[in-house]
Amino acid sequence: MGVRRKKRTPAIVPLASMGDIAFLLIIFFILASIPKGEPTLTHAEAENLGEIEQASVSVTMDENGGCFFQGKPVAVKSLTSRLKLHFEEQPPEAKNNRRVIVEIDKNLTYEVYKHVYSSVSEAGGIVMAQGIEKYGS
């Protein structure tokens, strides 16, 4: 004698509202995300100007994006090697003086001058001052 089981009817899940939920989630994430724009940097004034006078080297970028190492034109790509060579050639008592004055024209964008900061960092330098209104003024 067998026990008769009732046939179960499959559960019905309404899928009509899933599209609405997905659409609302997309709208939420679009509105909640922060668009990535060009970084805005604010520079503070130097606190101790005495240390700046002791800087061992200066790097400057003019309004045209031209790079100058100790007042002489240099390619940005070779700036890292020039800085490393400069730091190695210092006398023994000044070996730890890796201060670099970085002057950049205020009209240049971050994309243009970011390589200068990368070069100073890769060479082991410390940025002591930055920013000018016009090159040579």
C-alpha atoms as a PDB file:
ATOM      1  CA  MET A   1       0.000   0.000   0.000  1.00  0.00           C
ATOM      2  CA  GLY A   2       1.604   3.198  -1.116  1.00  0.00           C
ATOM      3  CA  VAL A   3       1.138   6.566   0.372  1.00  0.00           C
ATOM      4  CA  ARG A   4      -0.078   9.038  -2.093  1.00  0.00           C
ATOM      5  CA  ARG A   5       1.690  12.326  -2.041  1.00  0.00           C
ATOM      6  CA  LYS A   6       0.251  15.522  -3.262  1.00  0.00           C
ATOM      7  CA  LYS A   7       1.996  17.045  -6.174  1.00  0.00           C
ATOM      8  CA  ARG A   8       3.539  20.327  -5.155  1.00  0.00           C
ATOM      9  CA  THR A   9       2.976  23.261  -7.352  1.00  0.00           C
ATOM     10  CA  PRO A  10       6.195  25.155  -8.037  1.00  0.00           C
ATOM     11  CA  ALA A  11       6.622  28.488  -6.321  1.00  0.00           C
ATOM     12  CA  ILE A  12       6.036  31.465  -8.557  1.00  0.00           C
ATOM     13  CA  VAL A  13       8.440  34.358  -8.071  1.00  0.00           C
ATOM     14  CA  PRO A  14       7.281  37.585  -9.656  1.00  0.00           C
ATOM     15  CA  LEU A  15      10.167  39.003 -11.682  1.00  0.00           C
ATOM     16  CA  ALA A  16       8.456  42.144 -12.888  1.00  0.00           C
ATOM     17  CA  SER A  17       9.839  44.274 -10.031  1.00  0.00           C
ATOM     18  CA  MET A  18      13.474  43.098 -10.453  1.00  0.00           C
ATOM     19  CA  GLY A  19      14.040  45.496 -13.336  1.00  0.00           C
ATOM     20  CA  ASP A  20      12.799  48.403 -11.227  1.00  0.00           C
ATOM     21  CA  ILE A  21      15.075  47.463  -8.334  1.00  0.00           C
ATOM     22  CA  ALA A  22      18.109  47.146 -10.626  1.00  0.00           C
ATOM     23  CA  PHE A  23      17.349  50.526 -12.201  1.00  0.00           C
ATOM     24  CA  LEU A  24      17.051  52.207  -8.797  1.00  0.00           C
ATOM     25  CA  LEU A  25      20.356  50.660  -7.655  1.00  0.00           C
ATOM     26  CA  ILE A  26      22.113  51.942 -10.764  1.00  0.00           C
ATOM     27  CA  ILE A  27      20.734  55.450 -10.167  1.00  0.00           C
ATOM     28  CA  PHE A  28      21.822  55.300  -6.508  1.00  0.00           C
ATOM     29  CA  PHE A  29      25.416  54.318  -7.319  1.00  0.00           C
ATOM     30  CA  ILE A  30      25.725  56.953 -10.039  1.00  0.00           C
ATOM     31  CA  LEU A  31      24.550  59.698  -7.692  1.00  0.00           C
ATOM     32  CA  ALA A  32      26.524  58.436  -4.698  1.00  0.00           C
ATOM     33  CA  SER A  33      29.851  58.112  -6.521  1.00  0.00           C
ATOM     34  CA  ILE A  34      32.309  60.981  -6.574  1.00  0.00           C
ATOM     35  CA  PRO A  35      33.601  61.844 -10.031  1.00  0.00           C
ATOM     36  CA  LYS A  36      37.385  61.915 -10.279  1.00  0.00           C
ATOM     37  CA  GLY A  37      38.562  65.250 -11.560  1.00  0.00           C
ATOM     38  CA  GLU A  38      41.913  66.975 -11.654  1.00  0.00           C
ATOM     39  CA  PRO A  39      43.371  67.101  -8.153  1.00  0.00           C
ATOM     40  CA  THR A  40      43.429  70.499  -6.560  1.00  0.00           C
ATOM     41  CA  LEU A  41      46.483  71.125  -4.465  1.00  0.00           C
ATOM     42  CA  THR A  42      46.830  73.863  -1.912  1.00  0.00           C
ATOM     43  CA  HIS A  43      50.299  74.776  -0.807  1.00  0.00           C
ATOM     44  CA  ALA A  44      51.109  76.153   2.612  1.00  0.00           C
ATOM     45  CA  GLU A  45      53.786  78.747   3.195  1.00  0.00           C
ATOM     46  CA  ALA A  46      57.137  77.571   4.485  1.00  0.00           C
ATOM     47  CA  GLU A  47      57.475  77.747   8.246  1.00  0.00           C
ATOM     48  CA  ASN A  48      61.254  77.878   8.560  1.00  0.00           C
ATOM     49  CA  LEU A  49      62.931  79.887   5.797  1.00  0.00           C
ATOM     50  CA  GLY A  50      66.385  79.174   7.252  1.00  0.00           C
ATOM     51  CA  GLU A  51      66.190  75.567   6.079  1.00  0.00           C
ATOM     52  CA  ILE A  52      65.274  76.694   2.561  1.00  0.00           C
ATOM     53  CA  GLU A  53      68.468  78.726   2.291  1.00  0.00           C
ATOM     54  CA  GLN A  54      70.404  75.544   3.081  1.00  0.00           C
ATOM     55  CA  ALA A  55      68.832  73.658   0.164  1.00  0.00           C
ATOM     56  CA  SER A  56      71.460  72.014  -1.986  1.00  0.00           C
ATOM     57  CA  VAL A  57      69.724  72.242  -5.367  1.00  0.00           C
ATOM     58  CA  SER A  58      66.905  73.998  -7.213  1.00  0.00           C
ATOM     59  CA  VAL A  59      64.539  72.773  -9.925  1.00  0.00           C
ATOM     60  CA  THR A  60      62.348  75.215 -11.848  1.00  0.00           C
ATOM     61  CA  MET A  61      59.571  74.895 -14.442  1.00  0.00           C
ATOM     62  CA  ASP A  62      58.608  77.954 -16.471  1.00  0.00           C
ATOM     63  CA  GLU A  63      55.226  78.829 -17.964  1.00  0.00           C
ATOM     64  CA  ASN A  64      56.016  76.780 -21.101  1.00  0.00           C
ATOM     65  CA  GLY A  65      56.810  73.619 -19.114  1.00  0.00           C
ATOM     66  CA  GLY A  66      60.560  73.973 -19.606  1.00  0.00           C
ATOM     67  CA  CYS A  67      62.551  72.371 -16.788  1.00  0.00           C
ATOM     68  CA  PHE A  68      65.707  73.908 -15.325  1.00  0.00           C
ATOM     69  CA  PHE A  69      68.191  72.213 -12.989  1.00  0.00           C
ATOM     70  CA  GLN A  70      70.343  74.739 -11.129  1.00  0.00           C
ATOM     71  CA  GLY A  71      69.298  77.338 -13.734  1.00  0.00           C
ATOM     72  CA  LYS A  72      70.351  75.221 -16.738  1.00  0.00           C
ATOM     73  CA  PRO A  73      67.802  73.606 -19.106  1.00  0.00           C
ATOM     74  CA  VAL A  74      67.308  69.883 -18.608  1.00  0.00           C
ATOM     75  CA  ALA A  75      64.841  67.271 -19.891  1.00  0.00           C
ATOM     76  CA  VAL A  76      62.328  66.152 -17.272  1.00  0.00           C
ATOM     77  CA  LYS A  77      63.132  62.512 -18.086  1.00  0.00           C
ATOM     78  CA  SER A  78      66.775  62.976 -17.110  1.00  0.00           C
ATOM     79  CA  LEU A  79      66.022  64.943 -13.936  1.00  0.00           C
ATOM     80  CA  THR A  80      66.115  61.881 -11.651  1.00  0.00           C
ATOM     81  CA  SER A  81      69.597  60.871 -12.783  1.00  0.00           C
ATOM     82  CA  ARG A  82      70.876  64.462 -12.537  1.00  0.00           C
ATOM     83  CA  LEU A  83      69.566  64.751  -8.964  1.00  0.00           C
ATOM     84  CA  LYS A  84      71.086  61.404  -7.930  1.00  0.00           C
ATOM     85  CA  LEU A  85      74.431  62.421  -9.417  1.00  0.00           C
ATOM     86  CA  HIS A  86      74.272  65.776  -7.631  1.00  0.00           C
ATOM     87  CA  PHE A  87      73.549  64.134  -4.265  1.00  0.00           C
ATOM     88  CA  GLU A  88      76.401  61.630  -4.749  1.00  0.00           C
ATOM     89  CA  GLU A  89      78.908  64.383  -5.600  1.00  0.00           C
ATOM     90  CA  GLN A  90      78.268  66.332  -2.404  1.00  0.00           C
ATOM     91  CA  PRO A  91      81.087  66.552   0.148  1.00  0.00           C
ATOM     92  CA  PRO A  92      80.862  64.082   3.079  1.00  0.00           C
ATOM     93  CA  GLU A  93      79.664  66.718   5.564  1.00  0.00           C
ATOM     94  CA  ALA A  94      76.717  67.582   3.279  1.00  0.00           C
ATOM     95  CA  LYS A  95      75.698  64.026   2.289  1.00  0.00           C
ATOM     96  CA  ASN A  96      72.437  64.239   4.238  1.00  0.00           C
ATOM     97  CA  ASN A  97      71.471  67.575   2.676  1.00  0.00           C
ATOM     98  CA  ARG A  98      68.932  66.422   0.120  1.00  0.00           C
ATOM     99  CA  ARG A  99      66.759  69.527   0.257  1.00  0.00           C
ATOM    100  CA  VAL A 100      65.431  70.671  -3.121  1.00  0.00           C
ATOM    101  CA  ILE A 101      63.762  73.982  -3.907  1.00  0.00           C
ATOM    102  CA  VAL A 102      61.049  73.332  -6.518  1.00  0.00           C
ATOM    103  CA  GLU A 103      59.640  76.373  -8.307  1.00  0.00           C
ATOM    104  CA  ILE A 104      56.734  75.889 -10.707  1.00  0.00           C
ATOM    105  CA  ASP A 105      54.798  78.480 -12.667  1.00  0.00           C
ATOM    106  CA  LYS A 106      51.284  78.811 -11.274  1.00  0.00           C
ATOM    107  CA  ASN A 107      49.668  78.414 -14.702  1.00  0.00           C
ATOM    108  CA  LEU A 108      50.962  74.862 -15.217  1.00  0.00           C
ATOM    109  CA  THR A 109      48.602  71.959 -14.623  1.00  0.00           C
ATOM    110  CA  TYR A 110      49.300  69.010 -12.357  1.00  0.00           C
ATOM    111  CA  GLU A 111      49.747  66.697 -15.351  1.00  0.00           C
ATOM    112  CA  VAL A 112      52.693  68.821 -16.529  1.00  0.00           C
ATOM    113  CA  TYR A 113      54.617  69.218 -13.268  1.00  0.00           C
ATOM    114  CA  LYS A 114      53.866  65.936 -11.464  1.00  0.00           C
ATOM    115  CA  HIS A 115      56.929  64.345 -13.082  1.00  0.00           C
ATOM    116  CA  VAL A 116      59.199  66.849 -11.323  1.00  0.00           C
ATOM    117  CA  TYR A 117      57.909  65.759  -7.914  1.00  0.00           C
ATOM    118  CA  SER A 118      58.265  62.104  -8.914  1.00  0.00           C
ATOM    119  CA  SER A 119      61.860  62.704 -10.001  1.00  0.00           C
ATOM    120  CA  VAL A 120      62.770  64.441  -6.731  1.00  0.00           C
ATOM    121  CA  SER A 121      61.173  61.618  -4.756  1.00  0.00           C
ATOM    122  CA  GLU A 122      62.899  58.863  -6.780  1.00  0.00           C
ATOM    123  CA  ALA A 123      66.270  60.558  -6.325  1.00  0.00           C
ATOM    124  CA  GLY A 124      65.744  60.695  -2.556  1.00  0.00           C
ATOM    125  CA  GLY A 125      65.324  64.460  -2.357  1.00  0.00           C
ATOM    126  CA  ILE A 126      63.135  66.454   0.022  1.00  0.00           C
ATOM    127  CA  VAL A 127      61.006  69.269  -1.431  1.00  0.00           C
ATOM    128  CA  MET A 128      61.533  72.350   0.716  1.00  0.00           C
ATOM    129  CA  ALA A 129      59.699  75.108  -1.184  1.00  0.00           C
ATOM    130  CA  GLN A 130      57.448  75.346  -4.154  1.00  0.00           C
ATOM    131  CA  GLY A 131      55.576  77.709  -6.410  1.00  0.00           C
ATOM    132  CA  ILE A 132      56.210  80.989  -8.173  1.00  0.00           C
ATOM    133  CA  GLU A 133      53.967  83.362 -10.068  1.00  0.00           C
ATOM    134  CA  LYS A 134      56.190  83.817 -13.106  1.00  0.00           C
ATOM    135  CA  TYR A 135      59.579  82.297 -13.872  1.00  0.00           C
ATOM    136  CA  GLY A 136      62.325  84.773 -13.109  1.00  0.00           C
ATOM    137  CA  SER A 137      60.187  87.156 -11.034  1.00  0.00           C
END
